[in-house]
């Protein structure tokens, strides 16, 4: 969550979207579930994927990002 928070501080998502929290669900391949308040553009999800990859030093290991909208 610190990696995601740092990425959001450096580059906020457009149109008020944000990641509320993230969970790592699986490790082979590393799979992260992002809980969001609004739908995020695909370009911003790629930015978050790069931030996760750099923050955890995954290098070229494939990672999966799942996005779930917060329950109302």
PDB file of N, CA and C in Angstrom:
ATOM      1  N   UNK A   1       0.817  -1.197   0.000  1.00  0.00           N
ATOM      2  CA  UNK A   1       0.000   0.000   0.000  1.00  0.00           C
ATOM      3  C   UNK A   1       0.860   1.261   0.000  1.00  0.00           C
ATOM      4  N   UNK A   2       2.064   1.177   0.582  1.00  0.00           N
ATOM      5  CA  UNK A   2       2.947   2.350   0.573  1.00  0.00           C
ATOM      6  C   UNK A   2       3.421   2.668  -0.839  1.00  0.00           C
ATOM      7  N   UNK A   3       3.705   1.633  -1.616  1.00  0.00           N
ATOM      8  CA  UNK A   3       4.150   1.845  -2.999  1.00  0.00           C
ATOM      9  C   UNK A   3       3.041   2.526  -3.800  1.00  0.00           C
ATOM     10  N   UNK A   4       1.814   2.059  -3.624  1.00  0.00           N
ATOM     11  CA  UNK A   4       0.670   2.646  -4.332  1.00  0.00           C
ATOM     12  C   UNK A   4       0.436   4.085  -3.873  1.00  0.00           C
ATOM     13  N   UNK A   5       0.490   4.328  -2.571  1.00  0.00           N
ATOM     14  CA  UNK A   5       0.277   5.681  -2.043  1.00  0.00           C
ATOM     15  C   UNK A   5       1.333   6.642  -2.577  1.00  0.00           C
ATOM     16  N   UNK A   6       2.584   6.193  -2.617  1.00  0.00           N
ATOM     17  CA  UNK A   6       3.663   7.044  -3.131  1.00  0.00           C
ATOM     18  C   UNK A   6       3.428   7.357  -4.615  1.00  0.00           C
ATOM     19  N   UNK A   7       3.011   6.357  -5.380  1.00  0.00           N
ATOM     20  CA  UNK A   7       2.741   6.564  -6.806  1.00  0.00           C
ATOM     21  C   UNK A   7       1.601   7.557  -7.000  1.00  0.00           C
ATOM     22  N   UNK A   8       0.568   7.465  -6.167  1.00  0.00           N
ATOM     23  CA  UNK A   8      -0.572   8.378  -6.286  1.00  0.00           C
ATOM     24  C   UNK A   8      -0.199   9.799  -5.882  1.00  0.00           C
ATOM     25  N   UNK A   9       0.722   9.946  -4.931  1.00  0.00           N
ATOM     26  CA  UNK A   9       1.172  11.287  -4.544  1.00  0.00           C
ATOM     27  C   UNK A   9       1.966  11.926  -5.674  1.00  0.00           C
ATOM     28  N   UNK A  10       2.812  11.123  -6.326  1.00  0.00           N
ATOM     29  CA  UNK A  10       3.642  11.658  -7.400  1.00  0.00           C
ATOM     30  C   UNK A  10       2.818  11.985  -8.640  1.00  0.00           C
ATOM     31  N   UNK A  11       1.816  11.162  -8.920  1.00  0.00           N
ATOM     32  CA  UNK A  11       0.982  11.363 -10.109  1.00  0.00           C
ATOM     33  C   UNK A  11      -0.455  10.975  -9.785  1.00  0.00           C
ATOM     34  N   UNK A  12      -1.279  11.929  -9.346  1.00  0.00           N
ATOM     35  CA  UNK A  12      -2.676  11.608  -9.027  1.00  0.00           C
ATOM     36  C   UNK A  12      -3.434  11.123 -10.261  1.00  0.00           C
ATOM     37  N   UNK A  13      -4.410  10.273 -10.035  1.00  0.00           N
ATOM     38  CA  UNK A  13      -5.233   9.763 -11.130  1.00  0.00           C
ATOM     39  C   UNK A  13      -6.120  10.875 -11.671  1.00  0.00           C
ATOM     40  N   UNK A  14      -6.410  10.832 -12.961  1.00  0.00           N
ATOM     41  CA  UNK A  14      -7.306  11.840 -13.528  1.00  0.00           C
ATOM     42  C   UNK A  14      -8.741  11.636 -13.046  1.00  0.00           C
ATOM     43  N   UNK A  15      -9.512  12.671 -13.099  1.00  0.00           N
ATOM     44  CA  UNK A  15     -10.953  12.691 -12.785  1.00  0.00           C
ATOM     45  C   UNK A  15     -11.306  12.169 -11.397  1.00  0.00           C
ATOM     46  N   UNK A  16     -10.438  12.388 -10.429  1.00  0.00           N
ATOM     47  CA  UNK A  16     -10.772  12.080  -9.041  1.00  0.00           C
ATOM     48  C   UNK A  16     -10.737  10.618  -8.649  1.00  0.00           C
ATOM     49  N   UNK A  17     -10.320   9.746  -9.541  1.00  0.00           N
ATOM     50  CA  UNK A  17     -10.211   8.333  -9.187  1.00  0.00           C
ATOM     51  C   UNK A  17      -9.015   8.108  -8.282  1.00  0.00           C
ATOM     52  N   UNK A  18      -9.103   7.103  -7.424  1.00  0.00           N
ATOM     53  CA  UNK A  18      -7.948   6.771  -6.594  1.00  0.00           C
ATOM     54  C   UNK A  18      -8.062   5.343  -6.093  1.00  0.00           C
ATOM     55  N   UNK A  19      -6.918   4.790  -5.751  1.00  0.00           N
ATOM     56  CA  UNK A  19      -6.860   3.450  -5.172  1.00  0.00           C
ATOM     57  C   UNK A  19      -7.038   3.604  -3.670  1.00  0.00           C
ATOM     58  N   UNK A  20      -8.015   2.923  -3.115  1.00  0.00           N
ATOM     59  CA  UNK A  20      -8.270   2.993  -1.678  1.00  0.00           C
ATOM     60  C   UNK A  20      -7.301   2.095  -0.921  1.00  0.00           C
ATOM     61  N   UNK A  21      -7.106   0.877  -1.420  1.00  0.00           N
ATOM     62  CA  UNK A  21      -6.116  -0.033  -0.856  1.00  0.00           C
ATOM     63  C   UNK A  21      -5.860  -1.148  -1.853  1.00  0.00           C
ATOM     64  N   UNK A  22      -4.814  -1.912  -1.614  1.00  0.00           N
ATOM     65  CA  UNK A  22      -4.430  -2.996  -2.512  1.00  0.00           C
ATOM     66  C   UNK A  22      -4.101  -4.237  -1.695  1.00  0.00           C
ATOM     67  N   UNK A  23      -4.341  -5.386  -2.305  1.00  0.00           N
ATOM     68  CA  UNK A  23      -4.012  -6.672  -1.687  1.00  0.00           C
ATOM     69  C   UNK A  23      -3.239  -7.511  -2.686  1.00  0.00           C
ATOM     70  N   UNK A  24      -2.284  -8.289  -2.188  1.00  0.00           N
ATOM     71  CA  UNK A  24      -1.624  -9.256  -3.054  1.00  0.00           C
ATOM     72  C   UNK A  24      -2.318 -10.588  -2.841  1.00  0.00           C
ATOM     73  N   UNK A  25      -2.946 -11.101  -3.903  1.00  0.00           N
ATOM     74  CA  UNK A  25      -3.731 -12.315  -3.782  1.00  0.00           C
ATOM     75  C   UNK A  25      -2.943 -13.573  -4.055  1.00  0.00           C
ATOM     76  N   UNK A  26      -2.088 -13.558  -5.043  1.00  0.00           N
ATOM     77  CA  UNK A  26      -1.332 -14.751  -5.423  1.00  0.00           C
ATOM     78  C   UNK A  26       0.121 -14.359  -5.620  1.00  0.00           C
ATOM     79  N   UNK A  27       0.976 -15.376  -5.651  1.00  0.00           N
ATOM     80  CA  UNK A  27       2.396 -15.071  -5.818  1.00  0.00           C
ATOM     81  C   UNK A  27       2.983 -15.673  -7.094  1.00  0.00           C
ATOM     82  N   UNK A  28       2.233 -16.477  -7.823  1.00  0.00           N
ATOM     83  CA  UNK A  28       2.770 -17.096  -9.035  1.00  0.00           C
ATOM     84  C   UNK A  28       1.740 -17.069 -10.146  1.00  0.00           C
ATOM     85  N   UNK A  29       1.662 -16.045 -10.942  1.00  0.00           N
ATOM     86  CA  UNK A  29       2.449 -14.810 -10.921  1.00  0.00           C
ATOM     87  C   UNK A  29       1.919 -13.857  -9.849  1.00  0.00           C
ATOM     88  N   UNK A  30       2.729 -12.896  -9.440  1.00  0.00           N
ATOM     89  CA  UNK A  30       2.256 -11.926  -8.454  1.00  0.00           C
ATOM     90  C   UNK A  30       0.982 -11.248  -8.970  1.00  0.00           C
ATOM     91  N   UNK A  31      -0.068 -11.312  -8.169  1.00  0.00           N
ATOM     92  CA  UNK A  31      -1.361 -10.751  -8.552  1.00  0.00           C
ATOM     93  C   UNK A  31      -1.798  -9.758  -7.488  1.00  0.00           C
ATOM     94  N   UNK A  32      -2.111  -8.558  -7.925  1.00  0.00           N
ATOM     95  CA  UNK A  32      -2.528  -7.505  -7.010  1.00  0.00           C
ATOM     96  C   UNK A  32      -3.959  -7.103  -7.334  1.00  0.00           C
ATOM     97  N   UNK A  33      -4.779  -6.969  -6.305  1.00  0.00           N
ATOM     98  CA  UNK A  33      -6.141  -6.477  -6.460  1.00  0.00           C
ATOM     99  C   UNK A  33      -6.184  -5.062  -5.906  1.00  0.00           C
ATOM    100  N   UNK A  34      -6.579  -4.130  -6.753  1.00  0.00           N
ATOM    101  CA  UNK A  34      -6.683  -2.728  -6.361  1.00  0.00           C
ATOM    102  C   UNK A  34      -8.154  -2.396  -6.146  1.00  0.00           C
ATOM    103  N   UNK A  35      -8.484  -1.874  -4.979  1.00  0.00           N
ATOM    104  CA  UNK A  35      -9.843  -1.441  -4.686  1.00  0.00           C
ATOM    105  C   UNK A  35      -9.898   0.060  -4.921  1.00  0.00           C
ATOM    106  N   UNK A  36     -10.779   0.485  -5.813  1.00  0.00           N
ATOM    107  CA  UNK A  36     -10.817   1.877  -6.264  1.00  0.00           C
ATOM    108  C   UNK A  36     -12.175   2.508  -5.980  1.00  0.00           C
ATOM    109  N   UNK A  37     -12.196   3.846  -5.942  1.00  0.00           N
ATOM    110  CA  UNK A  37     -13.467   4.543  -5.747  1.00  0.00           C
ATOM    111  C   UNK A  37     -14.165   4.813  -7.072  1.00  0.00           C
ATOM    112  N   UNK A  38     -13.395   4.931  -8.158  1.00  0.00           N
ATOM    113  CA  UNK A  38     -13.929   5.161  -9.502  1.00  0.00           C
ATOM    114  C   UNK A  38     -13.081   4.369 -10.480  1.00  0.00           C
ATOM    115  N   UNK A  39     -13.637   4.131 -11.643  1.00  0.00           N
ATOM    116  CA  UNK A  39     -12.881   3.433 -12.683  1.00  0.00           C
ATOM    117  C   UNK A  39     -11.650   4.261 -13.067  1.00  0.00           C
ATOM    118  N   UNK A  40     -10.510   3.585 -13.223  1.00  0.00           N
ATOM    119  CA  UNK A  40      -9.265   4.259 -13.579  1.00  0.00           C
ATOM    120  C   UNK A  40      -8.939   3.991 -15.045  1.00  0.00           C
ATOM    121  N   UNK A  41      -8.402   4.984 -15.746  1.00  0.00           N
ATOM    122  CA  UNK A  41      -8.018   4.776 -17.146  1.00  0.00           C
ATOM    123  C   UNK A  41      -6.921   3.715 -17.264  1.00  0.00           C
ATOM    124  N   UNK A  42      -6.900   3.036 -18.396  1.00  0.00           N
ATOM    125  CA  UNK A  42      -5.910   1.988 -18.647  1.00  0.00           C
ATOM    126  C   UNK A  42      -4.485   2.539 -18.555  1.00  0.00           C
ATOM    127  N   UNK A  43      -4.276   3.773 -19.002  1.00  0.00           N
ATOM    128  CA  UNK A  43      -2.936   4.358 -18.941  1.00  0.00           C
ATOM    129  C   UNK A  43      -2.475   4.525 -17.496  1.00  0.00           C
ATOM    130  N   UNK A  44      -3.399   4.889 -16.602  1.00  0.00           N
ATOM    131  CA  UNK A  44      -3.033   5.046 -15.190  1.00  0.00           C
ATOM    132  C   UNK A  44      -2.755   3.684 -14.557  1.00  0.00           C
ATOM    133  N   UNK A  45      -3.488   2.657 -14.966  1.00  0.00           N
ATOM    134  CA  UNK A  45      -3.222   1.307 -14.452  1.00  0.00           C
ATOM    135  C   UNK A  45      -1.837   0.829 -14.883  1.00  0.00           C
ATOM    136  N   UNK A  46      -1.430   1.160 -16.111  1.00  0.00           N
ATOM    137  CA  UNK A  46      -0.072   0.808 -16.549  1.00  0.00           C
ATOM    138  C   UNK A  46       0.969   1.543 -15.715  1.00  0.00           C
ATOM    139  N   UNK A  47       0.694   2.805 -15.376  1.00  0.00           N
ATOM    140  CA  UNK A  47       1.591   3.571 -14.510  1.00  0.00           C
ATOM    141  C   UNK A  47       1.709   2.895 -13.138  1.00  0.00           C
ATOM    142  N   UNK A  48       0.579   2.475 -12.561  1.00  0.00           N
ATOM    143  CA  UNK A  48       0.612   1.800 -11.260  1.00  0.00           C
ATOM    144  C   UNK A  48       1.352   0.470 -11.350  1.00  0.00           C
ATOM    145  N   UNK A  49       1.165  -0.252 -12.452  1.00  0.00           N
ATOM    146  CA  UNK A  49       1.889  -1.516 -12.634  1.00  0.00           C
ATOM    147  C   UNK A  49       3.396  -1.269 -12.657  1.00  0.00           C
ATOM    148  N   UNK A  50       3.831  -0.243 -13.374  1.00  0.00           N
ATOM    149  CA  UNK A  50       5.264   0.091 -13.399  1.00  0.00           C
ATOM    150  C   UNK A  50       5.758   0.463 -12.011  1.00  0.00           C
ATOM    151  N   UNK A  51       4.944   1.214 -11.261  1.00  0.00           N
ATOM    152  CA  UNK A  51       5.326   1.609  -9.901  1.00  0.00           C
ATOM    153  C   UNK A  51       5.466   0.395  -8.993  1.00  0.00           C
ATOM    154  N   UNK A  52       4.539  -0.552  -9.097  1.00  0.00           N
ATOM    155  CA  UNK A  52       4.615  -1.788  -8.304  1.00  0.00           C
ATOM    156  C   UNK A  52       5.854  -2.574  -8.700  1.00  0.00           C
ATOM    157  N   UNK A  53       6.081  -2.691 -10.000  1.00  0.00           N
ATOM    158  CA  UNK A  53       7.238  -3.445 -10.504  1.00  0.00           C
ATOM    159  C   UNK A  53       8.548  -2.854  -9.972  1.00  0.00           C
ATOM    160  N   UNK A  54       8.659  -1.521  -9.983  1.00  0.00           N
ATOM    161  CA  UNK A  54       9.870  -0.862  -9.488  1.00  0.00           C
ATOM    162  C   UNK A  54       9.957  -0.923  -7.968  1.00  0.00           C
ATOM    163  N   UNK A  55       8.834  -0.731  -7.281  1.00  0.00           N
ATOM    164  CA  UNK A  55       8.821  -0.713  -5.820  1.00  0.00           C
ATOM    165  C   UNK A  55       9.193  -2.043  -5.195  1.00  0.00           C
ATOM    166  N   UNK A  56       8.810  -3.140  -5.861  1.00  0.00           N
ATOM    167  CA  UNK A  56       9.101  -4.468  -5.325  1.00  0.00           C
ATOM    168  C   UNK A  56      10.204  -5.178  -6.094  1.00  0.00           C
ATOM    169  N   UNK A  57      10.842  -4.464  -7.017  1.00  0.00           N
ATOM    170  CA  UNK A  57      11.960  -4.995  -7.803  1.00  0.00           C
ATOM    171  C   UNK A  57      11.599  -6.312  -8.487  1.00  0.00           C
ATOM    172  N   UNK A  58      10.453  -6.328  -9.186  1.00  0.00           N
ATOM    173  CA  UNK A  58      10.029  -7.518  -9.919  1.00  0.00           C
ATOM    174  C   UNK A  58      10.752  -7.662 -11.249  1.00  0.00           C
ATOM    175  N   UNK A  59      11.359  -6.606 -11.739  1.00  0.00           N
ATOM    176  CA  UNK A  59      12.056  -6.688 -13.018  1.00  0.00           C
ATOM    177  C   UNK A  59      11.092  -7.049 -14.136  1.00  0.00           C
ATOM    178  N   UNK A  60      11.411  -8.120 -14.870  1.00  0.00           N
ATOM    179  CA  UNK A  60      10.572  -8.517 -16.006  1.00  0.00           C
ATOM    180  C   UNK A  60       9.587  -9.634 -15.658  1.00  0.00           C
ATOM    181  N   UNK A  61       9.430  -9.939 -14.372  1.00  0.00           N
ATOM    182  CA  UNK A  61       8.472 -10.959 -13.947  1.00  0.00           C
ATOM    183  C   UNK A  61       7.062 -10.473 -14.292  1.00  0.00           C
ATOM    184  N   UNK A  62       6.244 -11.308 -14.943  1.00  0.00           N
ATOM    185  CA  UNK A  62       4.882 -10.865 -15.246  1.00  0.00           C
ATOM    186  C   UNK A  62       4.070 -10.686 -13.967  1.00  0.00           C
ATOM    187  N   UNK A  63       3.306  -9.621 -13.907  1.00  0.00           N
ATOM    188  CA  UNK A  63       2.412  -9.408 -12.765  1.00  0.00           C
ATOM    189  C   UNK A  63       1.011  -9.146 -13.305  1.00  0.00           C
ATOM    190  N   UNK A  64       0.019  -9.469 -12.496  1.00  0.00           N
ATOM    191  CA  UNK A  64      -1.375  -9.241 -12.876  1.00  0.00           C
ATOM    192  C   UNK A  64      -1.965  -8.185 -11.951  1.00  0.00           C
ATOM    193  N   UNK A  65      -2.765  -7.313 -12.537  1.00  0.00           N
ATOM    194  CA  UNK A  65      -3.458  -6.282 -11.777  1.00  0.00           C
ATOM    195  C   UNK A  65      -4.958  -6.496 -11.981  1.00  0.00           C
ATOM    196  N   UNK A  66      -5.662  -6.677 -10.891  1.00  0.00           N
ATOM    197  CA  UNK A  66      -7.125  -6.761 -10.930  1.00  0.00           C
ATOM    198  C   UNK A  66      -7.669  -5.508 -10.268  1.00  0.00           C
ATOM    199  N   UNK A  67      -8.761  -5.000 -10.791  1.00  0.00           N
ATOM    200  CA  UNK A  67      -9.356  -3.779 -10.246  1.00  0.00           C
ATOM    201  C   UNK A  67     -10.782  -4.088  -9.807  1.00  0.00           C
ATOM    202  N   UNK A  68     -11.099  -3.708  -8.593  1.00  0.00           N
ATOM    203  CA  UNK A  68     -12.458  -3.877  -8.073  1.00  0.00           C
ATOM    204  C   UNK A  68     -12.937  -2.539  -7.545  1.00  0.00           C
ATOM    205  N   UNK A  69     -14.162  -2.219  -7.891  1.00  0.00           N
ATOM    206  CA  UNK A  69     -14.749  -0.980  -7.403  1.00  0.00           C
ATOM    207  C   UNK A  69     -15.280  -1.214  -5.997  1.00  0.00           C
ATOM    208  N   UNK A  70     -15.089  -0.229  -5.149  1.00  0.00           N
ATOM    209  CA  UNK A  70     -15.554  -0.315  -3.768  1.00  0.00           C
ATOM    210  C   UNK A  70     -17.064  -0.522  -3.751  1.00  0.00           C
ATOM    211  N   UNK A  71     -17.530  -1.380  -2.865  1.00  0.00           N
ATOM    212  CA  UNK A  71     -18.971  -1.612  -2.723  1.00  0.00           C
ATOM    213  C   UNK A  71     -19.630  -0.364  -2.153  1.00  0.00           C
ATOM    214  N   UNK A  72     -20.763  -0.034  -2.688  1.00  0.00           N
ATOM    215  CA  UNK A  72     -21.483   1.169  -2.232  1.00  0.00           C
ATOM    216  C   UNK A  72     -22.199   0.907  -0.933  1.00  0.00           C
TER     217      UNK A  72
END
